[in-house]
Amino acid sequence: MSKPRLLPTGNCWCGCGKEVGLGKFFAQGHDKTAESALIALNYEGSVPHFLHAHGYGPQHSVTGDAVDKAGWQECVCGYRGAPDSIRRHQKKSGHSGLAE
């Protein structure tokens, strides 16, 4: 099933009413506010409940799936993140390679 193409509207998608720049969905930091509000509304404010509801937890790694299915990468030290996050991590930590 394909996902709908979402278009920025010029207003923050968290619902605060703030105007945002061209091509943006959120005012700075408001993506995390919206994420937290949704978790509060649907998962008792609990990230573990949120993960469990989607089949993740100690027995099934959400970050492992992100590496396998969503273009995330894993540093040689085991840190996992989006490519930009990996680059920042490696620059800060001095690590130079990706896990195989």
PDB file of N, CA and C in Angstrom:
ATOM      1  N   MET A   1       0.844  -1.172   0.000  1.00  0.00           N
ATOM      2  CA  MET A   1       0.000   0.000   0.000  1.00  0.00           C
ATOM      3  C   MET A   1       0.896   1.243   0.000  1.00  0.00           C
ATOM      4  N   SER A   2       0.668   2.128  -0.936  1.00  0.00           N
ATOM      5  CA  SER A   2       1.496   3.330  -1.000  1.00  0.00           C
ATOM      6  C   SER A   2       0.976   4.388  -0.033  1.00  0.00           C
ATOM      7  N   LYS A   3       1.906   5.175   0.448  1.00  0.00           N
ATOM      8  CA  LYS A   3       1.559   6.244   1.383  1.00  0.00           C
ATOM      9  C   LYS A   3       1.213   7.490   0.587  1.00  0.00           C
ATOM     10  N   PRO A   4       0.310   8.309   1.106  1.00  0.00           N
ATOM     11  CA  PRO A   4      -0.032   9.536   0.387  1.00  0.00           C
ATOM     12  C   PRO A   4       1.147  10.506   0.358  1.00  0.00           C
ATOM     13  N   ARG A   5       1.219  11.288  -0.666  1.00  0.00           N
ATOM     14  CA  ARG A   5       2.245  12.328  -0.750  1.00  0.00           C
ATOM     15  C   ARG A   5       1.776  13.505   0.094  1.00  0.00           C
ATOM     16  N   LEU A   6       2.538  13.810   1.127  1.00  0.00           N
ATOM     17  CA  LEU A   6       2.181  14.906   2.028  1.00  0.00           C
ATOM     18  C   LEU A   6       2.877  16.179   1.587  1.00  0.00           C
ATOM     19  N   LEU A   7       2.157  17.269   1.666  1.00  0.00           N
ATOM     20  CA  LEU A   7       2.704  18.551   1.255  1.00  0.00           C
ATOM     21  C   LEU A   7       2.688  19.527   2.415  1.00  0.00           C
ATOM     22  N   PRO A   8       3.781  20.261   2.596  1.00  0.00           N
ATOM     23  CA  PRO A   8       3.792  21.299   3.626  1.00  0.00           C
ATOM     24  C   PRO A   8       2.753  22.363   3.287  1.00  0.00           C
ATOM     25  N   THR A   9       2.165  22.936   4.310  1.00  0.00           N
ATOM     26  CA  THR A   9       1.081  23.902   4.109  1.00  0.00           C
ATOM     27  C   THR A   9       1.479  25.334   4.441  1.00  0.00           C
ATOM     28  N   GLY A  10       2.666  25.505   5.032  1.00  0.00           N
ATOM     29  CA  GLY A  10       3.068  26.822   5.497  1.00  0.00           C
ATOM     30  C   GLY A  10       2.787  27.022   6.970  1.00  0.00           C
ATOM     31  N   ASN A  11       2.030  26.086   7.570  1.00  0.00           N
ATOM     32  CA  ASN A  11       1.741  26.118   9.005  1.00  0.00           C
ATOM     33  C   ASN A  11       2.258  24.838   9.649  1.00  0.00           C
ATOM     34  N   CYS A  12       2.677  24.964  10.897  1.00  0.00           N
ATOM     35  CA  CYS A  12       3.223  23.830  11.632  1.00  0.00           C
ATOM     36  C   CYS A  12       2.187  22.721  11.776  1.00  0.00           C
ATOM     37  N   TRP A  13       2.612  21.491  11.497  1.00  0.00           N
ATOM     38  CA  TRP A  13       1.716  20.341  11.544  1.00  0.00           C
ATOM     39  C   TRP A  13       1.423  19.854  12.964  1.00  0.00           C
ATOM     40  N   CYS A  14       2.054  20.428  13.980  1.00  0.00           N
ATOM     41  CA  CYS A  14       1.702  20.022  15.346  1.00  0.00           C
ATOM     42  C   CYS A  14       0.378  20.647  15.760  1.00  0.00           C
ATOM     43  N   GLY A  15      -0.070  21.640  14.976  1.00  0.00           N
ATOM     44  CA  GLY A  15      -1.342  22.285  15.267  1.00  0.00           C
ATOM     45  C   GLY A  15      -1.225  23.570  16.070  1.00  0.00           C
ATOM     46  N   CYS A  16       0.001  24.046  16.292  1.00  0.00           N
ATOM     47  CA  CYS A  16       0.196  25.247  17.112  1.00  0.00           C
ATOM     48  C   CYS A  16      -0.198  26.526  16.384  1.00  0.00           C
ATOM     49  N   GLY A  17      -0.307  26.444  15.051  1.00  0.00           N
ATOM     50  CA  GLY A  17      -0.694  27.619  14.274  1.00  0.00           C
ATOM     51  C   GLY A  17       0.465  28.466  13.775  1.00  0.00           C
ATOM     52  N   LYS A  18       1.697  28.131  14.157  1.00  0.00           N
ATOM     53  CA  LYS A  18       2.851  28.929  13.709  1.00  0.00           C
ATOM     54  C   LYS A  18       3.082  28.745  12.213  1.00  0.00           C
ATOM     55  N   GLU A  19       3.501  29.836  11.582  1.00  0.00           N
ATOM     56  CA  GLU A  19       3.917  29.754  10.187  1.00  0.00           C
ATOM     57  C   GLU A  19       5.316  29.165  10.137  1.00  0.00           C
ATOM     58  N   VAL A  20       5.559  28.347   9.122  1.00  0.00           N
ATOM     59  CA  VAL A  20       6.878  27.724   8.958  1.00  0.00           C
ATOM     60  C   VAL A  20       7.400  28.028   7.561  1.00  0.00           C
ATOM     61  N   GLY A  21       8.692  27.860   7.385  1.00  0.00           N
ATOM     62  CA  GLY A  21       9.338  28.161   6.122  1.00  0.00           C
ATOM     63  C   GLY A  21       8.905  27.244   4.990  1.00  0.00           C
ATOM     64  N   LEU A  22       9.226  27.674   3.805  1.00  0.00           N
ATOM     65  CA  LEU A  22       8.913  26.939   2.592  1.00  0.00           C
ATOM     66  C   LEU A  22       9.451  25.512   2.665  1.00  0.00           C
ATOM     67  N   GLY A  23       8.609  24.538   2.392  1.00  0.00           N
ATOM     68  CA  GLY A  23       9.016  23.137   2.375  1.00  0.00           C
ATOM     69  C   GLY A  23       9.092  22.475   3.736  1.00  0.00           C
ATOM     70  N   LYS A  24       8.708  23.177   4.790  1.00  0.00           N
ATOM     71  CA  LYS A  24       8.794  22.617   6.144  1.00  0.00           C
ATOM     72  C   LYS A  24       7.407  22.210   6.642  1.00  0.00           C
ATOM     73  N   PHE A  25       7.386  21.151   7.441  1.00  0.00           N
ATOM     74  CA  PHE A  25       6.154  20.693   8.068  1.00  0.00           C
ATOM     75  C   PHE A  25       6.010  21.225   9.492  1.00  0.00           C
ATOM     76  N   PHE A  26       7.137  21.486  10.166  1.00  0.00           N
ATOM     77  CA  PHE A  26       7.117  21.831  11.585  1.00  0.00           C
ATOM     78  C   PHE A  26       7.988  23.036  11.885  1.00  0.00           C
ATOM     79  N   ALA A  27       7.592  23.789  12.904  1.00  0.00           N
ATOM     80  CA  ALA A  27       8.488  24.772  13.514  1.00  0.00           C
ATOM     81  C   ALA A  27       9.575  23.970  14.231  1.00  0.00           C
ATOM     82  N   GLN A  28      10.714  24.600  14.480  1.00  0.00           N
ATOM     83  CA  GLN A  28      11.832  23.878  15.087  1.00  0.00           C
ATOM     84  C   GLN A  28      11.424  23.211  16.392  1.00  0.00           C
ATOM     85  N   GLY A  29      11.665  21.895  16.481  1.00  0.00           N
ATOM     86  CA  GLY A  29      11.371  21.114  17.682  1.00  0.00           C
ATOM     87  C   GLY A  29       9.941  20.635  17.791  1.00  0.00           C
ATOM     88  N   HIS A  30       9.052  21.157  16.971  1.00  0.00           N
ATOM     89  CA  HIS A  30       7.636  20.793  17.094  1.00  0.00           C
ATOM     90  C   HIS A  30       7.327  19.399  16.558  1.00  0.00           C
ATOM     91  N   ASP A  31       8.215  18.822  15.745  1.00  0.00           N
ATOM     92  CA  ASP A  31       8.032  17.435  15.325  1.00  0.00           C
ATOM     93  C   ASP A  31       8.091  16.514  16.537  1.00  0.00           C
ATOM     94  N   LYS A  32       9.015  16.791  17.444  1.00  0.00           N
ATOM     95  CA  LYS A  32       9.138  15.977  18.661  1.00  0.00           C
ATOM     96  C   LYS A  32       7.959  16.231  19.595  1.00  0.00           C
ATOM     97  N   THR A  33       7.459  17.463  19.625  1.00  0.00           N
ATOM     98  CA  THR A  33       6.270  17.769  20.428  1.00  0.00           C
ATOM     99  C   THR A  33       5.081  16.977  19.920  1.00  0.00           C
ATOM    100  N   ALA A  34       4.884  16.959  18.612  1.00  0.00           N
ATOM    101  CA  ALA A  34       3.766  16.220  18.017  1.00  0.00           C
ATOM    102  C   ALA A  34       3.913  14.723  18.271  1.00  0.00           C
ATOM    103  N   GLU A  35       5.128  14.214  18.127  1.00  0.00           N
ATOM    104  CA  GLU A  35       5.403  12.798  18.383  1.00  0.00           C
ATOM    105  C   GLU A  35       5.077  12.447  19.836  1.00  0.00           C
ATOM    106  N   SER A  36       5.514  13.276  20.754  1.00  0.00           N
ATOM    107  CA  SER A  36       5.247  13.032  22.179  1.00  0.00           C
ATOM    108  C   SER A  36       3.754  13.096  22.489  1.00  0.00           C
ATOM    109  N   ALA A  37       3.062  14.035  21.863  1.00  0.00           N
ATOM    110  CA  ALA A  37       1.620  14.158  22.089  1.00  0.00           C
ATOM    111  C   ALA A  37       0.889  12.917  21.587  1.00  0.00           C
ATOM    112  N   LEU A  38       1.282  12.414  20.426  1.00  0.00           N
ATOM    113  CA  LEU A  38       0.648  11.214  19.889  1.00  0.00           C
ATOM    114  C   LEU A  38       0.900  10.003  20.779  1.00  0.00           C
ATOM    115  N   ILE A  39       2.113   9.876  21.291  1.00  0.00           N
ATOM    116  CA  ILE A  39       2.430   8.778  22.217  1.00  0.00           C
ATOM    117  C   ILE A  39       1.621   8.929  23.500  1.00  0.00           C
ATOM    118  N   ALA A  40       1.459  10.163  23.972  1.00  0.00           N
ATOM    119  CA  ALA A  40       0.653  10.402  25.176  1.00  0.00           C
ATOM    120  C   ALA A  40      -0.805  10.012  24.937  1.00  0.00           C
ATOM    121  N   LEU A  41      -1.320  10.342  23.784  1.00  0.00           N
ATOM    122  CA  LEU A  41      -2.722  10.058  23.477  1.00  0.00           C
ATOM    123  C   LEU A  41      -3.008   8.576  23.250  1.00  0.00           C
ATOM    124  N   ASN A  42      -2.100   7.884  22.588  1.00  0.00           N
ATOM    125  CA  ASN A  42      -2.388   6.520  22.149  1.00  0.00           C
ATOM    126  C   ASN A  42      -1.636   5.413  22.867  1.00  0.00           C
ATOM    127  N   TYR A  43      -0.595   5.763  23.630  1.00  0.00           N
ATOM    128  CA  TYR A  43       0.246   4.730  24.234  1.00  0.00           C
ATOM    129  C   TYR A  43       0.564   5.037  25.697  1.00  0.00           C
ATOM    130  N   GLU A  44      -0.357   5.689  26.383  1.00  0.00           N
ATOM    131  CA  GLU A  44      -0.211   5.996  27.808  1.00  0.00           C
ATOM    132  C   GLU A  44       1.050   6.813  28.099  1.00  0.00           C
ATOM    133  N   GLY A  45       1.531   7.559  27.118  1.00  0.00           N
ATOM    134  CA  GLY A  45       2.727   8.358  27.305  1.00  0.00           C
ATOM    135  C   GLY A  45       3.996   7.536  27.416  1.00  0.00           C
ATOM    136  N   SER A  46       3.934   6.291  26.990  1.00  0.00           N
ATOM    137  CA  SER A  46       5.026   5.349  27.208  1.00  0.00           C
ATOM    138  C   SER A  46       5.637   4.893  25.884  1.00  0.00           C
ATOM    139  N   VAL A  47       6.915   5.191  25.702  1.00  0.00           N
ATOM    140  CA  VAL A  47       7.617   4.708  24.508  1.00  0.00           C
ATOM    141  C   VAL A  47       7.654   3.181  24.482  1.00  0.00           C
ATOM    142  N   PRO A  48       7.874   2.486  25.622  1.00  0.00           N
ATOM    143  CA  PRO A  48       7.811   1.022  25.569  1.00  0.00           C
ATOM    144  C   PRO A  48       6.452   0.500  25.074  1.00  0.00           C
ATOM    145  N   HIS A  49       5.344   1.118  25.513  1.00  0.00           N
ATOM    146  CA  HIS A  49       4.034   0.697  25.008  1.00  0.00           C
ATOM    147  C   HIS A  49       3.903   0.963  23.511  1.00  0.00           C
ATOM    148  N   PHE A  50       4.434   2.086  23.078  1.00  0.00           N
ATOM    149  CA  PHE A  50       4.428   2.427  21.658  1.00  0.00           C
ATOM    150  C   PHE A  50       5.197   1.380  20.848  1.00  0.00           C
ATOM    151  N   LEU A  51       6.415   1.058  21.297  1.00  0.00           N
ATOM    152  CA  LEU A  51       7.224   0.060  20.597  1.00  0.00           C
ATOM    153  C   LEU A  51       6.532  -1.303  20.586  1.00  0.00           C
ATOM    154  N   HIS A  52       6.027  -1.713  21.744  1.00  0.00           N
ATOM    155  CA  HIS A  52       5.357  -3.014  21.853  1.00  0.00           C
ATOM    156  C   HIS A  52       4.149  -3.099  20.913  1.00  0.00           C
ATOM    157  N   ALA A  53       3.381  -2.029  20.821  1.00  0.00           N
ATOM    158  CA  ALA A  53       2.199  -2.022  19.954  1.00  0.00           C
ATOM    159  C   ALA A  53       2.565  -2.227  18.489  1.00  0.00           C
ATOM    160  N   HIS A  54       3.813  -1.913  18.142  1.00  0.00           N
ATOM    161  CA  HIS A  54       4.268  -2.070  16.763  1.00  0.00           C
ATOM    162  C   HIS A  54       5.189  -3.272  16.587  1.00  0.00           C
ATOM    163  N   GLY A  55       5.246  -4.132  17.609  1.00  0.00           N
ATOM    164  CA  GLY A  55       5.990  -5.385  17.505  1.00  0.00           C
ATOM    165  C   GLY A  55       7.457  -5.303  17.860  1.00  0.00           C
ATOM    166  N   TYR A  56       7.875  -4.218  18.506  1.00  0.00           N
ATOM    167  CA  TYR A  56       9.288  -4.050  18.848  1.00  0.00           C
ATOM    168  C   TYR A  56       9.514  -4.144  20.338  1.00  0.00           C
ATOM    169  N   GLY A  57      10.754  -4.365  20.697  1.00  0.00           N
ATOM    170  CA  GLY A  57      11.178  -4.493  22.084  1.00  0.00           C
ATOM    171  C   GLY A  57      12.500  -5.234  22.101  1.00  0.00           C
ATOM    172  N   PRO A  58      12.893  -5.737  23.259  1.00  0.00           N
ATOM    173  CA  PRO A  58      14.183  -6.431  23.359  1.00  0.00           C
ATOM    174  C   PRO A  58      14.310  -7.614  22.395  1.00  0.00           C
ATOM    175  N   GLN A  59      13.195  -8.242  22.077  1.00  0.00           N
ATOM    176  CA  GLN A  59      13.205  -9.419  21.208  1.00  0.00           C
ATOM    177  C   GLN A  59      13.207  -9.077  19.727  1.00  0.00           C
ATOM    178  N   HIS A  60      12.896  -7.819  19.361  1.00  0.00           N
ATOM    179  CA  HIS A  60      12.831  -7.411  17.959  1.00  0.00           C
ATOM    180  C   HIS A  60      13.255  -5.948  17.872  1.00  0.00           C
ATOM    181  N   SER A  61      14.435  -5.710  17.363  1.00  0.00           N
ATOM    182  CA  SER A  61      15.059  -4.396  17.379  1.00  0.00           C
ATOM    183  C   SER A  61      14.471  -3.432  16.354  1.00  0.00           C
ATOM    184  N   VAL A  62      13.950  -2.322  16.837  1.00  0.00           N
ATOM    185  CA  VAL A  62      13.448  -1.291  15.930  1.00  0.00           C
ATOM    186  C   VAL A  62      14.600  -0.637  15.174  1.00  0.00           C
ATOM    187  N   THR A  63      15.752  -0.442  15.823  1.00  0.00           N
ATOM    188  CA  THR A  63      16.884   0.159  15.122  1.00  0.00           C
ATOM    189  C   THR A  63      17.491  -0.818  14.113  1.00  0.00           C
ATOM    190  N   GLY A  64      17.448  -2.110  14.425  1.00  0.00           N
ATOM    191  CA  GLY A  64      17.910  -3.116  13.470  1.00  0.00           C
ATOM    192  C   GLY A  64      17.050  -3.120  12.218  1.00  0.00           C
ATOM    193  N   ASP A  65      15.733  -3.029  12.407  1.00  0.00           N
ATOM    194  CA  ASP A  65      14.837  -2.950  11.253  1.00  0.00           C
ATOM    195  C   ASP A  65      15.076  -1.674  10.456  1.00  0.00           C
ATOM    196  N   ALA A  66      15.376  -0.575  11.141  1.00  0.00           N
ATOM    197  CA  ALA A  66      15.651   0.678  10.432  1.00  0.00           C
ATOM    198  C   ALA A  66      16.905   0.549   9.572  1.00  0.00           C
ATOM    199  N   VAL A  67      17.917  -0.182  10.064  1.00  0.00           N
ATOM    200  CA  VAL A  67      19.119  -0.442   9.268  1.00  0.00           C
ATOM    201  C   VAL A  67      18.752  -1.321   8.071  1.00  0.00           C
ATOM    202  N   ASP A  68      17.986  -2.370   8.313  1.00  0.00           N
ATOM    203  CA  ASP A  68      17.653  -3.329   7.253  1.00  0.00           C
ATOM    204  C   ASP A  68      16.666  -2.786   6.223  1.00  0.00           C
ATOM    205  N   LYS A  69      15.752  -1.926   6.654  1.00  0.00           N
ATOM    206  CA  LYS A  69      14.628  -1.569   5.785  1.00  0.00           C
ATOM    207  C   LYS A  69      14.452  -0.083   5.489  1.00  0.00           C
ATOM    208  N   ALA A  70      15.161   0.796   6.211  1.00  0.00           N
ATOM    209  CA  ALA A  70      14.851   2.221   6.071  1.00  0.00           C
ATOM    210  C   ALA A  70      16.077   3.090   5.797  1.00  0.00           C
ATOM    211  N   GLY A  71      17.186   2.485   5.389  1.00  0.00           N
ATOM    212  CA  GLY A  71      18.344   3.274   5.009  1.00  0.00           C
ATOM    213  C   GLY A  71      19.219   3.774   6.150  1.00  0.00           C
ATOM    214  N   TRP A  72      18.938   3.321   7.387  1.00  0.00           N
ATOM    215  CA  TRP A  72      19.825   3.667   8.498  1.00  0.00           C
ATOM    216  C   TRP A  72      21.121   2.896   8.325  1.00  0.00           C
ATOM    217  N   GLN A  73      22.144   3.317   9.061  1.00  0.00           N
ATOM    218  CA  GLN A  73      23.445   2.659   9.024  1.00  0.00           C
ATOM    219  C   GLN A  73      23.875   2.316  10.438  1.00  0.00           C
ATOM    220  N   GLU A  74      24.890   1.434  10.524  1.00  0.00           N
ATOM    221  CA  GLU A  74      25.435   1.048  11.819  1.00  0.00           C
ATOM    222  C   GLU A  74      26.938   1.288  11.812  1.00  0.00           C
ATOM    223  N   CYS A  75      27.411   2.022  12.797  1.00  0.00           N
ATOM    224  CA  CYS A  75      28.836   2.289  12.980  1.00  0.00           C
ATOM    225  C   CYS A  75      29.524   1.010  13.472  1.00  0.00           C
ATOM    226  N   VAL A  76      30.835   0.950  13.304  1.00  0.00           N
ATOM    227  CA  VAL A  76      31.589  -0.200  13.798  1.00  0.00           C
ATOM    228  C   VAL A  76      31.409  -0.387  15.305  1.00  0.00           C
ATOM    229  N   CYS A  77      31.081   0.671  16.032  1.00  0.00           N
ATOM    230  CA  CYS A  77      30.904   0.574  17.491  1.00  0.00           C
ATOM    231  C   CYS A  77      29.511   0.088  17.885  1.00  0.00           C
ATOM    232  N   GLY A  78      28.612  -0.048  16.892  1.00  0.00           N
ATOM    233  CA  GLY A  78      27.253  -0.504  17.183  1.00  0.00           C
ATOM    234  C   GLY A  78      26.204   0.591  17.190  1.00  0.00           C
ATOM    235  N   TYR A  79      26.613   1.866  17.182  1.00  0.00           N
ATOM    236  CA  TYR A  79      25.658   2.977  17.126  1.00  0.00           C
ATOM    237  C   TYR A  79      24.906   2.909  15.810  1.00  0.00           C
ATOM    238  N   ARG A  80      23.583   3.090  15.861  1.00  0.00           N
ATOM    239  CA  ARG A  80      22.755   3.059  14.661  1.00  0.00           C
ATOM    240  C   ARG A  80      22.032   4.380  14.499  1.00  0.00           C
ATOM    241  N   GLY A  81      21.928   4.824  13.245  1.00  0.00           N
ATOM    242  CA  GLY A  81      21.216   6.059  12.979  1.00  0.00           C
ATOM    243  C   GLY A  81      21.112   6.334  11.495  1.00  0.00           C
ATOM    244  N   ALA A  82      20.382   7.397  11.185  1.00  0.00           N
ATOM    245  CA  ALA A  82      20.282   7.853   9.802  1.00  0.00           C
ATOM    246  C   ALA A  82      21.674   8.268   9.331  1.00  0.00           C
ATOM    247  N   PRO A  83      21.918   8.261   8.019  1.00  0.00           N
ATOM    248  CA  PRO A  83      23.256   8.578   7.520  1.00  0.00           C
ATOM    249  C   PRO A  83      23.850   9.873   8.079  1.00  0.00           C
ATOM    250  N   ASP A  84      23.076  10.946   8.184  1.00  0.00           N
ATOM    251  CA  ASP A  84      23.592  12.206   8.749  1.00  0.00           C
ATOM    252  C   ASP A  84      23.994  12.028  10.203  1.00  0.00           C
ATOM    253  N   SER A  85      23.194  11.282  10.937  1.00  0.00           N
ATOM    254  CA  SER A  85      23.492  11.026  12.345  1.00  0.00           C
ATOM    255  C   SER A  85      24.768  10.205  12.488  1.00  0.00           C
ATOM    256  N   ILE A  86      24.941   9.222  11.631  1.00  0.00           N
ATOM    257  CA  ILE A  86      26.164   8.396  11.641  1.00  0.00           C
ATOM    258  C   ILE A  86      27.381   9.262  11.350  1.00  0.00           C
ATOM    259  N   ARG A  87      27.277  10.159  10.361  1.00  0.00           N
ATOM    260  CA  ARG A  87      28.417  11.033  10.035  1.00  0.00           C
ATOM    261  C   ARG A  87      28.791  11.911  11.232  1.00  0.00           C
ATOM    262  N   ARG A  88      27.797  12.503  11.892  1.00  0.00           N
ATOM    263  CA  ARG A  88      28.078  13.332  13.067  1.00  0.00           C
ATOM    264  C   ARG A  88      28.695  12.494  14.184  1.00  0.00           C
ATOM    265  N   HIS A  89      28.136  11.302  14.401  1.00  0.00           N
ATOM    266  CA  HIS A  89      28.656  10.397  15.435  1.00  0.00           C
ATOM    267  C   HIS A  89      30.115  10.052  15.153  1.00  0.00           C
ATOM    268  N   GLN A  90      30.422   9.686  13.914  1.00  0.00           N
ATOM    269  CA  GLN A  90      31.781   9.278  13.581  1.00  0.00           C
ATOM    270  C   GLN A  90      32.761  10.441  13.677  1.00  0.00           C
ATOM    271  N   LYS A  91      32.320  11.621  13.298  1.00  0.00           N
ATOM    272  CA  LYS A  91      33.192  12.797  13.419  1.00  0.00           C
ATOM    273  C   LYS A  91      33.505  13.081  14.882  1.00  0.00           C
ATOM    274  N   LYS A  92      32.479  12.983  15.718  1.00  0.00           N
ATOM    275  CA  LYS A  92      32.646  13.271  17.148  1.00  0.00           C
ATOM    276  C   LYS A  92      33.434  12.173  17.868  1.00  0.00           C
ATOM    277  N   SER A  93      33.195  10.917  17.492  1.00  0.00           N
ATOM    278  CA  SER A  93      33.797   9.789  18.205  1.00  0.00           C
ATOM    279  C   SER A  93      35.148   9.351  17.648  1.00  0.00           C
ATOM    280  N   GLY A  94      35.423   9.726  16.398  1.00  0.00           N
ATOM    281  CA  GLY A  94      36.667   9.277  15.774  1.00  0.00           C
ATOM    282  C   GLY A  94      36.537   7.916  15.118  1.00  0.00           C
ATOM    283  N   HIS A  95      35.358   7.294  15.169  1.00  0.00           N
ATOM    284  CA  HIS A  95      35.155   6.016  14.475  1.00  0.00           C
ATOM    285  C   HIS A  95      35.127   6.289  12.973  1.00  0.00           C
ATOM    286  N   SER A  96      35.585   5.318  12.202  1.00  0.00           N
ATOM    287  CA  SER A  96      35.728   5.598  10.766  1.00  0.00           C
ATOM    288  C   SER A  96      35.031   4.611   9.850  1.00  0.00           C
ATOM    289  N   GLY A  97      34.332   3.636  10.377  1.00  0.00           N
ATOM    290  CA  GLY A  97      33.738   2.668   9.475  1.00  0.00           C
ATOM    291  C   GLY A  97      32.343   2.265   9.855  1.00  0.00           C
ATOM    292  N   LEU A  98      31.697   1.575   8.922  1.00  0.00           N
ATOM    293  CA  LEU A  98      30.362   1.044   9.159  1.00  0.00           C
ATOM    294  C   LEU A  98      30.472  -0.448   9.464  1.00  0.00           C
ATOM    295  N   ALA A  99      29.529  -0.926  10.259  1.00  0.00           N
ATOM    296  CA  ALA A  99      29.469  -2.363  10.563  1.00  0.00           C
ATOM    297  C   ALA A  99      29.115  -3.116   9.286  1.00  0.00           C
ATOM    298  N   GLU A 100      29.557  -4.343   9.221  1.00  0.00           N
ATOM    299  CA  GLU A 100      29.240  -5.160   8.047  1.00  0.00           C
ATOM    300  C   GLU A 100      28.166  -6.145   8.343  1.00  0.00           C
TER     301      GLU A 100
END
